[in-house]
Amino acid sequence: MKKLLLSAALATMMSTGAMAEKIGVSIVNFDNNFQTLLMHGMQDRAKEKGVGIQVEDAQNDVAKQLDQVKNFIANGVDAVIVTLVDTNASKTLSDEAAKAGIALVFVNLEPTEMANLPDKQVYVGSNEVESGTLEALEVCKLLRAKGKSAGARAYIVMGSLVHQAALQRTKDVEQIFSTDMCNFIEIVDKQSSEWSRDNAQNLMTNWLTAGQAPDAVIANNDESAIGAILALKANGVDMKNVVVGGIDATQDGLQSMKAGDLAVTVFQNAKGQGGGGVDAALALAKGEKVDRVVYVPFELVTPANMGEYLNKN
């Protein structure tokens, strides 16, 4: 009888100790540079914490992401982390997790009803109002410094239109360019590249074919900025005459800045967001209180301070 009681006690202890040992992660798309950085941040933090982590590629498919979350829940994970394929699908995922009583952490891409998330659900990311604002202000200053204050033409290369980040970053740029200091900048066109370098290159090529080279290109992310730069250079445009901005401060983006092509980017802390997502997931799974929204600040990166960021993303 004593052995049975001891065995039961040990089983209980092992069960308790195993809490928050398994996290399921659904990532938008492994082909996306920044999403891969987020994944690495999560994996590194999970390794530090001695936590098991299973990462799946949603491949930009809303249905696939929902199936992944359902499978994580069915397999008994202690928490789920998601970077959203589609912001509008967040409620469905939220409902699935809430129904199962599983902790859910949205990372990087905001859910639609962030302020009203159920218990055991939080968002870890950065305040997108900062990103496009920092980028646009710096682009405006650089155009003024180039003597373009009498009039400048600009294109906006947007990310995915189903992501709140792309919509907010674009809105930030438009608001800055409507101010007295920056309203000399005309936004000629804005289109989505789906965050892709190749799509942005094709988009910029089409714009150049249809008209003259712009004075500025404001991209929602570094990959799109690099794509635009490749198109500009391929069409013989002197990069000294074009101010190109991006967001993320990826290694490729910083190398482009080092080469003198990318004028400005905004550091988005992939390690901070990814690691913060794991921390939040573990805390929620243990029943600890976590702020509904955990923001990791954006930081302006220019050629003057880019050395500080070379090994961060």
Protein backbone atom coordinates (compact mmCIF):
# COMPACT_ATOMS: atom_id res chain seq x y z
CA MET A 1 0.00 0.00 0.00
CA LYS A 2 2.86 2.35 0.90
CA LYS A 3 4.46 1.59 -2.46
CA LEU A 4 1.24 2.43 -4.23
CA LEU A 5 0.93 5.72 -2.35
CA LEU A 6 4.55 6.54 -3.09
CA SER A 7 4.09 5.75 -6.77
CA ALA A 8 0.99 7.94 -6.91
CA ALA A 9 2.84 10.79 -5.20
CA LEU A 10 5.75 10.50 -7.62
CA ALA A 11 3.37 10.46 -10.57
CA THR A 12 1.70 13.62 -9.28
CA MET A 13 5.07 15.33 -8.83
CA MET A 14 6.20 14.33 -12.30
CA SER A 15 2.92 15.55 -13.79
CA THR A 16 3.28 18.90 -11.99
CA GLY A 17 6.92 19.22 -13.02
CA ALA A 18 5.99 18.50 -16.61
CA MET A 19 3.68 21.49 -16.74
CA ALA A 20 4.64 24.01 -19.42
CA GLU A 21 7.18 21.58 -20.85
CA LYS A 22 5.58 21.51 -24.29
CA ILE A 23 4.85 24.51 -26.51
CA GLY A 24 3.36 24.33 -30.00
CA VAL A 25 4.28 27.13 -32.41
CA SER A 26 2.64 27.99 -35.73
CA ILE A 27 4.71 30.40 -37.85
CA VAL A 28 3.27 32.34 -40.81
CA ASN A 29 5.88 31.19 -43.30
CA PHE A 30 9.41 29.84 -42.91
CA ASP A 31 10.40 31.61 -46.14
CA ASN A 32 9.83 35.00 -44.50
CA ASN A 33 13.17 36.28 -43.19
CA PHE A 34 11.84 38.02 -40.09
CA GLN A 35 9.49 35.17 -39.20
CA THR A 36 12.49 32.83 -39.28
CA LEU A 37 14.31 35.17 -36.88
CA LEU A 38 11.30 35.06 -34.57
CA MET A 39 11.33 31.27 -34.70
CA HIS A 40 15.01 31.17 -33.78
CA GLY A 41 14.34 33.53 -30.87
CA MET A 42 11.63 31.16 -29.61
CA GLN A 43 13.80 28.07 -30.04
CA ASP A 44 16.75 29.68 -28.25
CA ARG A 45 14.61 30.74 -25.27
CA ALA A 46 12.94 27.32 -25.09
CA LYS A 47 16.38 25.70 -25.02
CA GLU A 48 17.46 28.05 -22.21
CA LYS A 49 14.37 27.10 -20.23
CA GLY A 50 14.64 23.38 -20.97
CA VAL A 51 11.24 23.40 -22.65
CA GLY A 52 10.09 21.20 -25.51
CA ILE A 53 8.98 23.21 -28.55
CA GLN A 54 7.36 22.04 -31.79
CA VAL A 55 7.37 24.56 -34.64
CA GLU A 56 5.15 24.23 -37.71
CA ASP A 57 5.12 26.21 -40.97
CA ALA A 58 1.63 27.53 -41.78
CA GLN A 59 2.81 28.39 -45.32
CA ASN A 60 0.60 31.49 -45.45
CA ASP A 61 -2.48 29.25 -45.23
CA VAL A 62 -5.20 30.21 -42.73
CA ALA A 63 -6.80 26.75 -42.76
CA LYS A 64 -3.43 25.06 -42.26
CA GLN A 65 -2.68 27.30 -39.30
CA LEU A 66 -6.03 26.50 -37.69
CA ASP A 67 -5.38 22.77 -38.15
CA GLN A 68 -1.94 23.16 -36.58
CA VAL A 69 -3.39 24.86 -33.52
CA LYS A 70 -6.10 22.20 -33.19
CA ASN A 71 -3.46 19.46 -33.45
CA PHE A 72 -1.29 21.11 -30.79
CA ILE A 73 -4.29 21.21 -28.44
CA ALA A 74 -5.22 17.59 -29.22
CA ASN A 75 -1.64 16.50 -28.52
CA GLY A 76 -1.75 18.05 -25.07
CA VAL A 77 0.66 20.97 -25.35
CA ASP A 78 0.74 23.32 -22.38
CA ALA A 79 0.70 26.48 -24.51
CA VAL A 80 0.43 27.61 -28.12
CA ILE A 81 2.29 30.47 -29.81
CA VAL A 82 1.07 31.87 -33.13
CA THR A 83 2.30 34.42 -35.64
CA LEU A 84 -0.87 35.09 -37.58
CA VAL A 85 -1.31 34.25 -41.26
CA ASP A 86 -4.35 36.53 -41.29
CA THR A 87 -5.14 39.02 -38.54
CA ASN A 88 -8.86 38.46 -39.15
CA ALA A 89 -8.52 34.77 -38.30
CA SER A 90 -7.32 35.51 -34.78
CA LYS A 91 -10.75 35.14 -33.15
CA THR A 92 -11.18 31.60 -34.47
CA LEU A 93 -7.80 30.59 -33.05
CA SER A 94 -8.56 32.41 -29.81
CA ASP A 95 -11.89 30.58 -29.45
CA GLU A 96 -10.23 27.18 -30.01
CA ALA A 97 -7.63 27.82 -27.31
CA ALA A 98 -10.16 29.29 -24.87
CA LYS A 99 -12.48 26.31 -25.33
CA ALA A 100 -9.61 23.95 -24.49
CA GLY A 101 -8.33 26.10 -21.62
CA ILE A 102 -4.90 26.28 -23.30
CA ALA A 103 -2.63 29.32 -22.99
CA LEU A 104 -2.30 31.19 -26.31
CA VAL A 105 0.29 33.84 -27.16
CA PHE A 106 0.06 35.91 -30.34
CA VAL A 107 3.53 37.11 -31.33
CA ASN A 108 4.56 39.91 -33.73
CA LEU A 109 1.27 40.22 -35.64
CA GLU A 110 -1.59 41.66 -33.61
CA PRO A 111 -4.94 39.86 -33.20
CA THR A 112 -8.03 41.86 -34.17
CA GLU A 113 -9.44 42.15 -30.65
CA MET A 114 -6.21 42.56 -28.76
CA ALA A 115 -7.74 44.60 -25.95
CA ASN A 116 -10.42 41.95 -25.29
CA LEU A 117 -8.45 38.71 -25.37
CA PRO A 118 -9.78 35.94 -23.10
CA ASP A 119 -7.98 34.82 -19.98
CA LYS A 120 -4.67 33.02 -20.61
CA GLN A 121 -4.20 34.85 -23.92
CA VAL A 122 -1.80 37.72 -24.60
CA TYR A 123 0.03 39.56 -27.36
CA VAL A 124 3.82 40.00 -27.45
CA GLY A 125 5.18 42.29 -30.14
CA SER A 126 5.96 45.90 -30.91
CA ASN A 127 3.75 48.97 -31.17
CA GLU A 128 3.36 49.43 -34.93
CA VAL A 129 2.53 53.10 -34.54
CA GLU A 130 6.23 53.59 -33.75
CA SER A 131 7.60 51.70 -36.75
CA GLY A 132 6.18 53.56 -39.74
CA THR A 133 6.41 56.86 -37.86
CA LEU A 134 10.14 56.53 -37.19
CA GLU A 135 10.76 55.41 -40.77
CA ALA A 136 8.71 58.17 -42.40
CA LEU A 137 10.15 60.97 -40.27
CA GLU A 138 13.69 59.96 -41.16
CA VAL A 139 12.84 59.67 -44.87
CA CYS A 140 11.30 63.15 -44.71
CA LYS A 141 14.42 64.59 -43.05
CA LEU A 142 16.71 62.96 -45.61
CA LEU A 143 14.68 64.31 -48.53
CA ARG A 144 14.84 67.79 -47.04
CA ALA A 145 18.59 67.41 -46.65
CA LYS A 146 18.79 66.52 -50.35
CA GLY A 147 17.02 69.76 -51.24
CA LYS A 148 13.76 68.06 -52.24
CA SER A 149 11.45 70.16 -50.05
CA ALA A 150 9.91 71.83 -53.10
CA GLY A 151 8.39 68.51 -54.10
CA ALA A 152 9.21 64.80 -53.96
CA ARG A 153 7.59 61.66 -55.35
CA ALA A 154 7.36 58.46 -53.30
CA TYR A 155 6.09 54.91 -53.53
CA ILE A 156 5.00 52.77 -50.59
CA VAL A 157 5.69 49.03 -50.78
CA MET A 158 3.22 47.46 -48.38
CA GLY A 159 3.37 44.09 -46.65
CA SER A 160 0.45 41.67 -46.65
CA LEU A 161 -2.91 43.45 -46.63
CA VAL A 162 -4.32 40.88 -44.18
CA HIS A 163 -1.72 41.87 -41.58
CA GLN A 164 -2.43 44.70 -39.18
CA ALA A 165 1.28 45.60 -39.23
CA ALA A 166 1.25 46.46 -42.92
CA LEU A 167 -1.90 48.54 -42.63
CA GLN A 168 -0.66 50.41 -39.56
CA ARG A 169 2.83 51.06 -40.93
CA THR A 170 1.35 52.46 -44.13
CA LYS A 171 -1.09 54.62 -42.16
CA ASP A 172 1.82 55.96 -40.08
CA VAL A 173 3.71 56.97 -43.21
CA GLU A 174 0.67 58.68 -44.71
CA GLN A 175 0.05 60.61 -41.49
CA ILE A 176 3.64 61.84 -41.29
CA PHE A 177 3.60 62.86 -44.95
CA SER A 178 0.45 64.89 -44.32
CA THR A 179 2.14 67.08 -41.69
CA ASP A 180 3.36 70.60 -42.51
CA MET A 181 6.99 69.50 -42.32
CA CYS A 182 6.61 66.61 -44.76
CA ASN A 183 3.61 67.37 -46.99
CA PHE A 184 5.94 68.15 -49.89
CA ILE A 185 6.13 64.38 -50.43
CA GLU A 186 3.53 63.00 -52.85
CA ILE A 187 2.65 59.32 -52.53
CA VAL A 188 2.36 58.31 -56.17
CA ASP A 189 1.20 54.76 -55.49
CA LYS A 190 1.13 52.07 -52.81
CA GLN A 191 0.85 48.33 -53.43
CA SER A 192 1.46 45.09 -51.58
CA SER A 193 4.56 42.95 -52.00
CA GLU A 194 3.30 40.38 -49.45
CA TRP A 195 6.54 41.10 -47.51
CA SER A 196 8.50 39.47 -50.38
CA ARG A 197 11.77 40.65 -51.92
CA ASP A 198 10.92 39.14 -55.32
CA ASN A 199 7.43 40.65 -55.37
CA ALA A 200 8.82 44.05 -54.40
CA GLN A 201 11.40 43.87 -57.16
CA ASN A 202 8.69 43.12 -59.72
CA LEU A 203 6.49 45.86 -58.33
CA MET A 204 9.27 48.45 -58.51
CA THR A 205 10.15 47.35 -62.04
CA ASN A 206 6.55 47.90 -63.11
CA TRP A 207 6.50 51.35 -61.53
CA LEU A 208 9.71 52.32 -63.30
CA THR A 209 8.38 51.05 -66.62
CA ALA A 210 5.24 53.15 -66.19
CA GLY A 211 6.96 56.35 -65.09
CA GLN A 212 10.02 58.15 -63.77
CA ALA A 213 12.19 57.04 -60.87
CA PRO A 214 10.92 58.12 -57.44
CA ASP A 215 12.67 60.32 -54.92
CA ALA A 216 11.80 57.88 -52.14
CA VAL A 217 10.61 54.32 -51.57
CA ILE A 218 9.09 53.51 -48.20
CA ALA A 219 8.79 49.78 -47.61
CA ASN A 220 6.94 48.06 -44.78
CA ASN A 221 9.91 45.71 -44.28
CA ASP A 222 13.57 45.33 -45.23
CA GLU A 223 12.98 42.45 -47.65
CA SER A 224 10.66 44.63 -49.72
CA ALA A 225 13.08 47.55 -49.51
CA ILE A 226 15.87 45.32 -50.84
CA GLY A 227 13.64 44.12 -53.67
CA ALA A 228 12.91 47.73 -54.65
CA ILE A 229 16.63 48.56 -54.52
CA LEU A 230 17.48 45.64 -56.80
CA ALA A 231 14.94 46.89 -59.36
CA LEU A 232 16.17 50.48 -59.14
CA LYS A 233 19.79 49.43 -59.68
CA ALA A 234 18.88 47.03 -62.49
CA ASN A 235 17.19 49.95 -64.26
CA GLY A 236 20.23 52.18 -63.93
CA VAL A 237 18.89 54.46 -61.19
CA ASP A 238 21.61 56.13 -59.12
CA MET A 239 20.88 55.21 -55.51
CA LYS A 240 22.31 58.54 -54.38
CA ASN A 241 19.16 60.12 -55.81
CA VAL A 242 16.65 57.85 -54.03
CA VAL A 243 15.93 57.54 -50.32
CA VAL A 244 14.86 53.98 -49.49
CA GLY A 245 13.48 53.01 -46.09
CA GLY A 246 12.67 49.66 -44.55
CA ILE A 247 11.68 48.09 -41.23
CA ASP A 248 13.19 45.18 -39.24
CA ALA A 249 16.97 45.84 -39.33
CA THR A 250 17.65 42.32 -40.60
CA GLN A 251 21.22 41.34 -41.44
CA ASP A 252 20.46 41.65 -45.17
CA GLY A 253 18.95 45.05 -44.56
CA LEU A 254 21.97 46.26 -42.64
CA GLN A 255 24.34 44.96 -45.33
CA SER A 256 22.30 46.96 -47.85
CA MET A 257 22.70 50.01 -45.61
CA LYS A 258 26.43 49.36 -45.31
CA ALA A 259 26.60 49.32 -49.13
CA GLY A 260 24.96 52.75 -49.20
CA ASP A 261 21.64 51.62 -50.68
CA LEU A 262 19.21 51.42 -47.74
CA ALA A 263 18.99 54.84 -46.08
CA VAL A 264 16.99 53.96 -42.98
CA THR A 265 15.46 50.98 -41.23
CA VAL A 266 13.77 50.39 -37.89
CA PHE A 267 15.02 47.66 -35.55
CA GLN A 268 12.32 45.20 -34.63
CA ASN A 269 13.67 42.92 -31.93
CA ALA A 270 13.05 39.38 -33.19
CA LYS A 271 14.90 37.80 -30.28
CA GLY A 272 13.00 39.97 -27.79
CA GLN A 273 9.62 39.15 -29.33
CA GLY A 274 10.30 35.45 -29.84
CA GLY A 275 11.85 34.96 -26.41
CA GLY A 276 9.16 37.11 -24.82
CA GLY A 277 6.50 34.96 -26.43
CA VAL A 278 7.99 31.82 -24.86
CA ASP A 279 8.27 33.53 -21.46
CA ALA A 280 4.63 34.61 -21.63
CA ALA A 281 3.49 31.14 -22.73
CA LEU A 282 5.30 29.47 -19.83
CA ALA A 283 3.96 31.95 -17.30
CA LEU A 284 0.37 31.59 -18.53
CA ALA A 285 0.62 27.80 -18.51
CA LYS A 286 1.69 27.96 -14.87
CA GLY A 287 -1.27 30.14 -14.00
CA GLU A 288 0.82 33.27 -13.52
CA LYS A 289 -0.46 36.74 -14.42
CA VAL A 290 0.88 38.29 -17.62
CA ASP A 291 0.06 41.73 -19.03
CA ARG A 292 -2.49 41.45 -21.84
CA VAL A 293 -0.11 43.34 -24.15
CA VAL A 294 3.68 43.14 -23.89
CA TYR A 295 5.44 45.67 -26.12
CA VAL A 296 9.05 45.42 -27.27
CA PRO A 297 10.16 48.91 -28.46
CA PHE A 298 11.14 49.75 -32.05
CA GLU A 299 14.46 51.59 -32.58
CA LEU A 300 15.56 53.84 -35.46
CA VAL A 301 18.61 52.59 -37.36
CA THR A 302 20.67 54.80 -39.67
CA PRO A 303 24.20 54.54 -41.10
CA ALA A 304 25.39 56.47 -38.03
CA ASN A 305 24.36 53.79 -35.53
CA MET A 306 23.95 50.62 -37.60
CA GLY A 307 27.09 49.11 -36.06
CA GLU A 308 25.14 48.64 -32.83
CA TYR A 309 22.65 46.37 -34.59
CA LEU A 310 24.82 44.19 -36.81
CA ASN A 311 24.50 41.13 -34.58
CA LYS A 312 21.03 41.71 -33.12
CA ASN A 313 18.76 40.30 -35.84
